Amino acid sequence: MENTIPTLSILAMALSALIAIAVPAALYVIFRKKGAKQLPFWIGCATFVLFALVLEQIAYYFLMKTALWTTITNNILFYGLVGGFMAGLFEETGRYVAFKTALRKKRGNDRNALMYGAGHGGIEAVILLSVSMVMNIVFSLQFNAGVVPAFGGLDAAQQLIDLPSWMFLVGAVERIAAVAIHVSLSVLVWFAAKNGKRFWLYPLAILLHLFVNAVAVVLAGSGVNVWIIEGAVYVIAAAFVLLVVVVWKKNHVAQEDAPAEEASAEAIAETASETETQA
């Protein structure tokens, strides 16, 4: 066993952690300059935590106690489909609920959908990547200083020593595509919540979420090269973005933070007033 965890690996961990924070932070600044409000970002963060890290995990707890769980885990396709469905169901439902409740009065400004997506995908990146990388850095520094941390021990240290330094950057590459996907799905669900005639965009978002998660899980479980997997995820992310651009152009209305219902009522009132004046 080698004596230390490579410095290059520690630097890669730090870079990966910073990227996971920088991406949502940059989007926050960009969307604010475009006119989005701050609240949707933080609602997105809270919604991910509640629906993905609490409610979804509770559902998994009960699912794992059933005989069906063994069948699911023994088949990589089933595992990918079930995992993708669970993620899609809970996260897209979380978005829909957030848009119908906490952000109801913000639905007049469609750019808030983008801000929400940055928060939802951003907090996922911070929790799943930045936190884990920081823990790895602390572990590595302690180990290199001659202290074997209580968590992980020698086995964890050996894994960090053996892992190529570039592997610590894979997560950062993946998170960039993941945030793009979260922003895209947020826009779909946004218009579903805003317009009852577009409700079908909500189940579509669930299916798309299922699809991208299942593809990643199945490819990883099949031993496919990690960069091929990331390439596939980026292709899917690009397709989602193109789809959302089309949906956005067909549904976006340039309004400032007034509820969609209020905006429509005001438009009707103005039209009626103009008609009376002309009469």
C-alpha atoms as a PDB file:
ATOM      1  CA  MET A   1       0.000   0.000   0.000  1.00  0.00           C
ATOM      2  CA  GLU A   2       1.307   3.427  -0.956  1.00  0.00           C
ATOM      3  CA  ASN A   3       1.827   5.909   1.861  1.00  0.00           C
ATOM      4  CA  THR A   4      -0.108   8.924   0.611  1.00  0.00           C
ATOM      5  CA  ILE A   5      -3.069   9.965  -1.493  1.00  0.00           C
ATOM      6  CA  PRO A   6      -1.711  11.865  -4.543  1.00  0.00           C
ATOM      7  CA  THR A   7      -1.760  15.643  -4.330  1.00  0.00           C
ATOM      8  CA  LEU A   8      -3.139  15.754  -7.872  1.00  0.00           C
ATOM      9  CA  SER A   9      -6.126  13.710  -6.719  1.00  0.00           C
ATOM     10  CA  ILE A  10      -6.757  16.129  -3.856  1.00  0.00           C
ATOM     11  CA  LEU A  11      -6.600  19.068  -6.258  1.00  0.00           C
ATOM     12  CA  ALA A  12      -9.046  17.302  -8.580  1.00  0.00           C
ATOM     13  CA  MET A  13     -11.398  16.783  -5.634  1.00  0.00           C
ATOM     14  CA  ALA A  14     -11.222  20.487  -4.809  1.00  0.00           C
ATOM     15  CA  LEU A  15     -11.840  21.504  -8.427  1.00  0.00           C
ATOM     16  CA  SER A  16     -14.791  19.151  -8.679  1.00  0.00           C
ATOM     17  CA  ALA A  17     -16.303  20.559  -5.479  1.00  0.00           C
ATOM     18  CA  LEU A  18     -15.858  24.125  -6.739  1.00  0.00           C
ATOM     19  CA  ILE A  19     -17.454  23.372 -10.111  1.00  0.00           C
ATOM     20  CA  ALA A  20     -20.504  21.897  -8.415  1.00  0.00           C
ATOM     21  CA  ILE A  21     -20.939  25.181  -6.533  1.00  0.00           C
ATOM     22  CA  ALA A  22     -19.922  27.500  -9.360  1.00  0.00           C
ATOM     23  CA  VAL A  23     -22.404  26.189 -11.933  1.00  0.00           C
ATOM     24  CA  PRO A  24     -25.600  26.962  -9.974  1.00  0.00           C
ATOM     25  CA  ALA A  25     -24.053  30.181  -8.640  1.00  0.00           C
ATOM     26  CA  ALA A  26     -23.312  31.358 -12.185  1.00  0.00           C
ATOM     27  CA  LEU A  27     -26.825  30.474 -13.331  1.00  0.00           C
ATOM     28  CA  TYR A  28     -28.249  32.338 -10.348  1.00  0.00           C
ATOM     29  CA  VAL A  29     -26.400  35.508 -11.375  1.00  0.00           C
ATOM     30  CA  ILE A  30     -27.320  35.113 -15.054  1.00  0.00           C
ATOM     31  CA  PHE A  31     -31.020  34.496 -14.411  1.00  0.00           C
ATOM     32  CA  ARG A  32     -31.198  37.378 -11.921  1.00  0.00           C
ATOM     33  CA  LYS A  33     -29.814  39.692 -14.583  1.00  0.00           C
ATOM     34  CA  LYS A  34     -32.452  38.329 -16.977  1.00  0.00           C
ATOM     35  CA  GLY A  35     -35.203  39.357 -14.554  1.00  0.00           C
ATOM     36  CA  ALA A  36     -35.866  36.224 -12.492  1.00  0.00           C
ATOM     37  CA  LYS A  37     -36.552  36.599  -8.775  1.00  0.00           C
ATOM     38  CA  GLN A  38     -34.485  35.093  -5.949  1.00  0.00           C
ATOM     39  CA  LEU A  39     -37.250  33.094  -4.253  1.00  0.00           C
ATOM     40  CA  PRO A  40     -37.616  30.392  -6.950  1.00  0.00           C
ATOM     41  CA  PHE A  41     -33.943  29.448  -6.534  1.00  0.00           C
ATOM     42  CA  TRP A  42     -34.342  28.766  -2.817  1.00  0.00           C
ATOM     43  CA  ILE A  43     -37.700  27.060  -3.296  1.00  0.00           C
ATOM     44  CA  GLY A  44     -35.962  24.797  -5.798  1.00  0.00           C
ATOM     45  CA  CYS A  45     -33.313  23.930  -3.219  1.00  0.00           C
ATOM     46  CA  ALA A  46     -35.897  23.173  -0.537  1.00  0.00           C
ATOM     47  CA  THR A  47     -38.099  21.166  -2.892  1.00  0.00           C
ATOM     48  CA  PHE A  48     -35.234  18.887  -3.918  1.00  0.00           C
ATOM     49  CA  VAL A  49     -34.331  18.206  -0.301  1.00  0.00           C
ATOM     50  CA  LEU A  50     -37.936  17.474   0.706  1.00  0.00           C
ATOM     51  CA  PHE A  51     -39.043  15.383  -2.260  1.00  0.00           C
ATOM     52  CA  ALA A  52     -35.787  13.652  -3.293  1.00  0.00           C
ATOM     53  CA  LEU A  53     -33.924  13.252  -0.006  1.00  0.00           C
ATOM     54  CA  VAL A  54     -36.857  12.785   2.359  1.00  0.00           C
ATOM     55  CA  LEU A  55     -40.058  11.595   0.678  1.00  0.00           C
ATOM     56  CA  GLU A  56     -38.380   9.518  -2.044  1.00  0.00           C
ATOM     57  CA  GLN A  57     -36.102   7.836   0.507  1.00  0.00           C
ATOM     58  CA  ILE A  58     -39.105   6.987   2.691  1.00  0.00           C
ATOM     59  CA  ALA A  59     -40.730   5.349  -0.334  1.00  0.00           C
ATOM     60  CA  TYR A  60     -37.523   3.397  -0.964  1.00  0.00           C
ATOM     61  CA  TYR A  61     -37.484   2.281   2.670  1.00  0.00           C
ATOM     62  CA  PHE A  62     -40.840   0.578   2.275  1.00  0.00           C
ATOM     63  CA  LEU A  63     -40.060  -0.727  -1.220  1.00  0.00           C
ATOM     64  CA  MET A  64     -36.874  -2.409   0.001  1.00  0.00           C
ATOM     65  CA  LYS A  65     -38.906  -4.358   2.549  1.00  0.00           C
ATOM     66  CA  THR A  66     -40.918  -6.080  -0.176  1.00  0.00           C
ATOM     67  CA  ALA A  67     -40.056  -9.250  -2.080  1.00  0.00           C
ATOM     68  CA  LEU A  68     -40.143  -7.184  -5.274  1.00  0.00           C
ATOM     69  CA  TRP A  69     -36.940  -5.388  -4.268  1.00  0.00           C
ATOM     70  CA  THR A  70     -34.832  -8.510  -4.766  1.00  0.00           C
ATOM     71  CA  THR A  71     -36.196  -8.899  -8.284  1.00  0.00           C
ATOM     72  CA  ILE A  72     -35.467  -5.249  -9.024  1.00  0.00           C
ATOM     73  CA  THR A  73     -31.880  -5.295  -7.772  1.00  0.00           C
ATOM     74  CA  ASN A  74     -31.081  -8.529  -9.585  1.00  0.00           C
ATOM     75  CA  ASN A  75     -31.940  -7.038 -12.973  1.00  0.00           C
ATOM     76  CA  ILE A  76     -30.050  -3.935 -14.064  1.00  0.00           C
ATOM     77  CA  LEU A  77     -32.804  -2.902 -16.492  1.00  0.00           C
ATOM     78  CA  PHE A  78     -35.511  -3.127 -13.829  1.00  0.00           C
ATOM     79  CA  TYR A  79     -33.253  -1.325 -11.391  1.00  0.00           C
ATOM     80  CA  GLY A  80     -32.652   1.510 -13.844  1.00  0.00           C
ATOM     81  CA  LEU A  81     -36.328   1.831 -14.744  1.00  0.00           C
ATOM     82  CA  VAL A  82     -37.548   1.758 -11.154  1.00  0.00           C
ATOM     83  CA  GLY A  83     -34.861   4.167  -9.992  1.00  0.00           C
ATOM     84  CA  GLY A  84     -35.598   6.512 -12.874  1.00  0.00           C
ATOM     85  CA  PHE A  85     -39.335   6.347 -12.243  1.00  0.00           C
ATOM     86  CA  MET A  86     -38.928   7.057  -8.534  1.00  0.00           C
ATOM     87  CA  ALA A  87     -36.671  10.034  -9.205  1.00  0.00           C
ATOM     88  CA  GLY A  88     -38.976  11.347 -11.913  1.00  0.00           C
ATOM     89  CA  LEU A  89     -42.160  10.863  -9.922  1.00  0.00           C
ATOM     90  CA  PHE A  90     -40.952  12.545  -6.755  1.00  0.00           C
ATOM     91  CA  GLU A  91     -38.853  15.343  -8.258  1.00  0.00           C
ATOM     92  CA  GLU A  92     -41.291  16.352 -10.990  1.00  0.00           C
ATOM     93  CA  THR A  93     -44.182  16.168  -8.541  1.00  0.00           C
ATOM     94  CA  GLY A  94     -42.151  18.335  -6.207  1.00  0.00           C
ATOM     95  CA  ARG A  95     -41.710  20.897  -8.973  1.00  0.00           C
ATOM     96  CA  TYR A  96     -45.421  20.827  -9.803  1.00  0.00           C
ATOM     97  CA  VAL A  97     -46.444  21.259  -6.173  1.00  0.00           C
ATOM     98  CA  ALA A  98     -43.942  24.096  -5.690  1.00  0.00           C
ATOM     99  CA  PHE A  99     -45.209  25.929  -8.780  1.00  0.00           C
ATOM    100  CA  LYS A 100     -48.840  25.499  -7.701  1.00  0.00           C
ATOM    101  CA  THR A 101     -48.249  26.635  -4.118  1.00  0.00           C
ATOM    102  CA  ALA A 102     -45.119  28.476  -2.979  1.00  0.00           C
ATOM    103  CA  LEU A 103     -44.474  30.002  -6.408  1.00  0.00           C
ATOM    104  CA  ARG A 104     -48.071  30.530  -7.486  1.00  0.00           C
ATOM    105  CA  LYS A 105     -47.687  34.309  -7.349  1.00  0.00           C
ATOM    106  CA  LYS A 106     -44.435  34.140  -9.310  1.00  0.00           C
ATOM    107  CA  ARG A 107     -45.849  32.329 -12.328  1.00  0.00           C
ATOM    108  CA  GLY A 108     -46.313  35.546 -14.275  1.00  0.00           C
ATOM    109  CA  ASN A 109     -42.546  35.697 -14.893  1.00  0.00           C
ATOM    110  CA  ASP A 110     -41.495  32.620 -16.861  1.00  0.00           C
ATOM    111  CA  ARG A 111     -37.813  33.230 -16.146  1.00  0.00           C
ATOM    112  CA  ASN A 112     -38.556  32.100 -12.602  1.00  0.00           C
ATOM    113  CA  ALA A 113     -38.808  28.566 -14.005  1.00  0.00           C
ATOM    114  CA  LEU A 114     -35.156  28.812 -15.036  1.00  0.00           C
ATOM    115  CA  MET A 115     -34.186  30.138 -11.619  1.00  0.00           C
ATOM    116  CA  TYR A 116     -36.063  27.332  -9.907  1.00  0.00           C
ATOM    117  CA  GLY A 117     -34.261  24.757 -12.055  1.00  0.00           C
ATOM    118  CA  ALA A 118     -30.899  26.264 -11.106  1.00  0.00           C
ATOM    119  CA  GLY A 119     -31.794  25.886  -7.441  1.00  0.00           C
ATOM    120  CA  HIS A 120     -33.195  22.361  -7.757  1.00  0.00           C
ATOM    121  CA  GLY A 121     -30.280  21.048  -9.800  1.00  0.00           C
ATOM    122  CA  GLY A 122     -27.755  23.201  -7.959  1.00  0.00           C
ATOM    123  CA  ILE A 123     -28.489  21.926  -4.476  1.00  0.00           C
ATOM    124  CA  GLU A 124     -28.319  18.374  -5.827  1.00  0.00           C
ATOM    125  CA  ALA A 125     -24.850  19.115  -7.187  1.00  0.00           C
ATOM    126  CA  VAL A 126     -23.708  20.641  -3.905  1.00  0.00           C
ATOM    127  CA  ILE A 127     -25.074  17.825  -1.740  1.00  0.00           C
ATOM    128  CA  LEU A 128     -24.080  14.893  -3.936  1.00  0.00           C
ATOM    129  CA  LEU A 129     -20.744  16.203  -5.204  1.00  0.00           C
ATOM    130  CA  SER A 130     -19.343  19.147  -3.251  1.00  0.00           C
ATOM    131  CA  VAL A 131     -20.051  17.637   0.163  1.00  0.00           C
ATOM    132  CA  SER A 132     -18.607  14.249  -0.787  1.00  0.00           C
ATOM    133  CA  MET A 133     -15.500  15.861  -2.325  1.00  0.00           C
ATOM    134  CA  VAL A 134     -14.924  17.992   0.788  1.00  0.00           C
ATOM    135  CA  MET A 135     -15.181  14.866   2.929  1.00  0.00           C
ATOM    136  CA  ASN A 136     -12.670  13.139   0.647  1.00  0.00           C
ATOM    137  CA  ILE A 137     -10.302  16.097   0.940  1.00  0.00           C
ATOM    138  CA  VAL A 138     -10.505  16.124   4.734  1.00  0.00           C
ATOM    139  CA  PHE A 139      -9.964  12.373   4.800  1.00  0.00           C
ATOM    140  CA  SER A 140      -6.999  12.629   2.410  1.00  0.00           C
ATOM    141  CA  LEU A 141      -5.287  15.417   4.336  1.00  0.00           C
ATOM    142  CA  GLN A 142      -5.668  13.544   7.593  1.00  0.00           C
ATOM    143  CA  PHE A 143      -4.410  10.317   6.101  1.00  0.00           C
ATOM    144  CA  ASN A 144      -1.421  11.996   4.449  1.00  0.00           C
ATOM    145  CA  ALA A 145      -0.602  13.577   7.819  1.00  0.00           C
ATOM    146  CA  GLY A 146      -0.359  10.114   9.345  1.00  0.00           C
ATOM    147  CA  VAL A 147      -3.817   9.965  10.917  1.00  0.00           C
ATOM    148  CA  VAL A 148      -6.174   7.207   9.800  1.00  0.00           C
ATOM    149  CA  PRO A 149      -9.699   8.726  10.028  1.00  0.00           C
ATOM    150  CA  ALA A 150     -12.282   6.735  11.946  1.00  0.00           C
ATOM    151  CA  PHE A 151     -14.650   6.815   8.966  1.00  0.00           C
ATOM    152  CA  GLY A 152     -13.452   4.705   6.067  1.00  0.00           C
ATOM    153  CA  GLY A 153     -10.144   3.548   7.463  1.00  0.00           C
ATOM    154  CA  LEU A 154      -7.392   1.927   5.414  1.00  0.00           C
ATOM    155  CA  ASP A 155      -9.743   0.448   2.830  1.00  0.00           C
ATOM    156  CA  ALA A 156     -11.128   3.864   1.931  1.00  0.00           C
ATOM    157  CA  ALA A 157      -7.614   5.293   1.785  1.00  0.00           C
ATOM    158  CA  GLN A 158      -6.483   2.557  -0.596  1.00  0.00           C
ATOM    159  CA  GLN A 159      -9.428   3.253  -2.864  1.00  0.00           C
ATOM    160  CA  LEU A 160      -8.512   6.939  -3.041  1.00  0.00           C
ATOM    161  CA  ILE A 161      -4.881   6.051  -3.727  1.00  0.00           C
ATOM    162  CA  ASP A 162      -5.729   3.613  -6.518  1.00  0.00           C
ATOM    163  CA  LEU A 163      -8.319   5.793  -8.229  1.00  0.00           C
ATOM    164  CA  PRO A 164      -6.866   7.836 -11.138  1.00  0.00           C
ATOM    165  CA  SER A 165      -6.880  11.564 -10.380  1.00  0.00           C
ATOM    166  CA  TRP A 166      -9.033  12.379 -13.411  1.00  0.00           C
ATOM    167  CA  MET A 167     -11.835  10.190 -12.063  1.00  0.00           C
ATOM    168  CA  PHE A 168     -12.547  12.817  -9.417  1.00  0.00           C
ATOM    169  CA  LEU A 169     -13.553  15.201 -12.204  1.00  0.00           C
ATOM    170  CA  VAL A 170     -16.132  12.892 -13.747  1.00  0.00           C
ATOM    171  CA  GLY A 171     -18.724  13.956 -11.208  1.00  0.00           C
ATOM    172  CA  ALA A 172     -18.226  17.617 -12.100  1.00  0.00           C
ATOM    173  CA  VAL A 173     -18.654  16.883 -15.800  1.00  0.00           C
ATOM    174  CA  GLU A 174     -21.825  14.946 -15.028  1.00  0.00           C
ATOM    175  CA  ARG A 175     -23.268  17.687 -12.798  1.00  0.00           C
ATOM    176  CA  ILE A 176     -23.076  20.268 -15.587  1.00  0.00           C
ATOM    177  CA  ALA A 177     -25.328  18.106 -17.766  1.00  0.00           C
ATOM    178  CA  ALA A 178     -27.541  17.256 -14.784  1.00  0.00           C
ATOM    179  CA  VAL A 179     -28.178  20.917 -13.982  1.00  0.00           C
ATOM    180  CA  ALA A 180     -29.074  21.560 -17.640  1.00  0.00           C
ATOM    181  CA  ILE A 181     -31.528  18.666 -17.435  1.00  0.00           C
ATOM    182  CA  HIS A 182     -33.055  19.991 -14.214  1.00  0.00           C
ATOM    183  CA  VAL A 183     -33.530  23.455 -15.711  1.00  0.00           C
ATOM    184  CA  SER A 184     -35.147  21.895 -18.792  1.00  0.00           C
ATOM    185  CA  LEU A 185     -37.537  19.708 -16.821  1.00  0.00           C
ATOM    186  CA  SER A 186     -38.403  22.654 -14.584  1.00  0.00           C
ATOM    187  CA  VAL A 187     -39.542  24.642 -17.619  1.00  0.00           C
ATOM    188  CA  LEU A 188     -41.763  21.781 -18.805  1.00  0.00           C
ATOM    189  CA  VAL A 189     -43.444  21.397 -15.419  1.00  0.00           C
ATOM    190  CA  TRP A 190     -43.676  25.185 -15.077  1.00  0.00           C
ATOM    191  CA  PHE A 191     -45.879  25.490 -18.135  1.00  0.00           C
ATOM    192  CA  ALA A 192     -47.870  22.427 -17.042  1.00  0.00           C
ATOM    193  CA  ALA A 193     -48.630  24.144 -13.736  1.00  0.00           C
ATOM    194  CA  LYS A 194     -49.282  27.502 -15.380  1.00  0.00           C
ATOM    195  CA  ASN A 195     -51.636  26.300 -18.095  1.00  0.00           C
ATOM    196  CA  GLY A 196     -54.082  23.441 -17.550  1.00  0.00           C
ATOM    197  CA  LYS A 197     -54.095  22.739 -21.284  1.00  0.00           C
ATOM    198  CA  ARG A 198     -50.376  21.955 -21.004  1.00  0.00           C
ATOM    199  CA  PHE A 199     -50.752  19.585 -18.052  1.00  0.00           C
ATOM    200  CA  TRP A 200     -49.392  16.761 -20.222  1.00  0.00           C
ATOM    201  CA  LEU A 201     -45.959  18.350 -19.919  1.00  0.00           C
ATOM    202  CA  TYR A 202     -45.865  17.187 -16.280  1.00  0.00           C
ATOM    203  CA  PRO A 203     -46.109  13.431 -17.008  1.00  0.00           C
ATOM    204  CA  LEU A 204     -43.793  13.995 -19.974  1.00  0.00           C
ATOM    205  CA  ALA A 205     -41.208  15.417 -17.561  1.00  0.00           C
ATOM    206  CA  ILE A 206     -41.546  12.303 -15.406  1.00  0.00           C
ATOM    207  CA  LEU A 207     -40.945  10.050 -18.405  1.00  0.00           C
ATOM    208  CA  LEU A 208     -37.962  12.087 -19.584  1.00  0.00           C
ATOM    209  CA  HIS A 209     -36.470  12.004 -16.084  1.00  0.00           C
ATOM    210  CA  LEU A 210     -37.008   8.250 -15.985  1.00  0.00           C
ATOM    211  CA  PHE A 211     -35.343   7.871 -19.381  1.00  0.00           C
ATOM    212  CA  VAL A 212     -32.114   9.740 -18.654  1.00  0.00           C
ATOM    213  CA  ASN A 213     -31.667   8.112 -15.239  1.00  0.00           C
ATOM    214  CA  ALA A 214     -32.362   4.634 -16.606  1.00  0.00           C
ATOM    215  CA  VAL A 215     -29.889   5.088 -19.470  1.00  0.00           C
ATOM    216  CA  ALA A 216     -27.119   6.166 -17.078  1.00  0.00           C
ATOM    217  CA  VAL A 217     -27.795   3.338 -14.613  1.00  0.00           C
ATOM    218  CA  VAL A 218     -28.064   0.606 -17.239  1.00  0.00           C
ATOM    219  CA  LEU A 219     -24.908   1.721 -19.058  1.00  0.00           C
ATOM    220  CA  ALA A 220     -22.961   1.965 -15.800  1.00  0.00           C
ATOM    221  CA  GLY A 221     -24.220  -1.416 -14.645  1.00  0.00           C
ATOM    222  CA  SER A 222     -23.214  -2.932 -17.973  1.00  0.00           C
ATOM    223  CA  GLY A 223     -19.596  -1.839 -17.548  1.00  0.00           C
ATOM    224  CA  VAL A 224     -19.645   0.781 -20.307  1.00  0.00           C
ATOM    225  CA  ASN A 225     -16.742   3.250 -20.318  1.00  0.00           C
ATOM    226  CA  VAL A 226     -17.523   6.227 -18.082  1.00  0.00           C
ATOM    227  CA  TRP A 227     -16.883   8.777 -20.839  1.00  0.00           C
ATOM    228  CA  ILE A 228     -19.312   7.006 -23.164  1.00  0.00           C
ATOM    229  CA  ILE A 229     -21.916   7.234 -20.419  1.00  0.00           C
ATOM    230  CA  GLU A 230     -21.227  10.933 -19.931  1.00  0.00           C
ATOM    231  CA  GLY A 231     -21.399  11.451 -23.679  1.00  0.00           C
ATOM    232  CA  ALA A 232     -24.815   9.780 -23.773  1.00  0.00           C
ATOM    233  CA  VAL A 233     -26.033  11.966 -20.893  1.00  0.00           C
ATOM    234  CA  TYR A 234     -24.834  15.103 -22.685  1.00  0.00           C
ATOM    235  CA  VAL A 235     -26.611  14.090 -25.882  1.00  0.00           C
ATOM    236  CA  ILE A 236     -29.818  13.563 -23.913  1.00  0.00           C
ATOM    237  CA  ALA A 237     -29.344  16.873 -22.084  1.00  0.00           C
ATOM    238  CA  ALA A 238     -28.895  18.674 -25.419  1.00  0.00           C
ATOM    239  CA  ALA A 239     -32.083  17.048 -26.748  1.00  0.00           C
ATOM    240  CA  PHE A 240     -33.972  18.179 -23.630  1.00  0.00           C
ATOM    241  CA  VAL A 241     -32.712  21.740 -24.065  1.00  0.00           C
ATOM    242  CA  LEU A 242     -33.826  21.804 -27.708  1.00  0.00           C
ATOM    243  CA  LEU A 243     -37.252  20.471 -26.715  1.00  0.00           C
ATOM    244  CA  VAL A 244     -37.593  23.118 -24.033  1.00  0.00           C
ATOM    245  CA  VAL A 245     -36.602  25.899 -26.419  1.00  0.00           C
ATOM    246  CA  VAL A 246     -39.539  24.869 -28.622  1.00  0.00           C
ATOM    247  CA  VAL A 247     -41.915  24.650 -25.639  1.00  0.00           C
ATOM    248  CA  TRP A 248     -40.690  28.001 -24.330  1.00  0.00           C
ATOM    249  CA  LYS A 249     -41.263  29.777 -27.648  1.00  0.00           C
ATOM    250  CA  LYS A 250     -44.802  28.421 -27.862  1.00  0.00           C
ATOM    251  CA  ASN A 251     -45.801  29.190 -24.272  1.00  0.00           C
ATOM    252  CA  HIS A 252     -43.691  32.071 -22.979  1.00  0.00           C
ATOM    253  CA  VAL A 253     -45.515  35.307 -22.299  1.00  0.00           C
ATOM    254  CA  ALA A 254     -43.559  38.455 -21.416  1.00  0.00           C
ATOM    255  CA  GLN A 255     -45.112  39.354 -18.078  1.00  0.00           C
ATOM    256  CA  GLU A 256     -43.715  40.457 -14.757  1.00  0.00           C
ATOM    257  CA  ASP A 257     -44.371  38.760 -11.441  1.00  0.00           C
ATOM    258  CA  ALA A 258     -48.135  38.506 -11.417  1.00  0.00           C
ATOM    259  CA  PRO A 259     -50.022  35.207 -11.120  1.00  0.00           C
ATOM    260  CA  ALA A 260     -51.013  33.747 -14.466  1.00  0.00           C
ATOM    261  CA  GLU A 261     -54.688  33.912 -13.472  1.00  0.00           C
ATOM    262  CA  GLU A 262     -54.399  37.579 -12.483  1.00  0.00           C
ATOM    263  CA  ALA A 263     -52.561  38.443 -15.693  1.00  0.00           C
ATOM    264  CA  SER A 264     -55.313  36.827 -17.755  1.00  0.00           C
ATOM    265  CA  ALA A 265     -58.021  38.627 -15.773  1.00  0.00           C
ATOM    266  CA  GLU A 266     -56.257  41.944 -16.265  1.00  0.00           C
ATOM    267  CA  ALA A 267     -55.961  41.318 -19.995  1.00  0.00           C
ATOM    268  CA  ILE A 268     -59.687  40.537 -20.213  1.00  0.00           C
ATOM    269  CA  ALA A 269     -60.564  43.627 -18.209  1.00  0.00           C
ATOM    270  CA  GLU A 270     -58.399  45.827 -20.436  1.00  0.00           C
ATOM    271  CA  THR A 271     -60.006  44.371 -23.552  1.00  0.00           C
ATOM    272  CA  ALA A 272     -63.488  44.945 -22.158  1.00  0.00           C
ATOM    273  CA  SER A 273     -62.584  48.529 -21.260  1.00  0.00           C
ATOM    274  CA  GLU A 274     -61.241  49.196 -24.746  1.00  0.00           C
ATOM    275  CA  THR A 275     -64.426  47.743 -26.274  1.00  0.00           C
ATOM    276  CA  GLU A 276     -66.643  49.961 -24.133  1.00  0.00           C
ATOM    277  CA  THR A 277     -64.573  53.007 -25.078  1.00  0.00           C
ATOM    278  CA  GLN A 278     -64.876  52.231 -28.764  1.00  0.00           C
ATOM    279  CA  ALA A 279     -68.615  51.678 -28.393  1.00  0.00           C
END
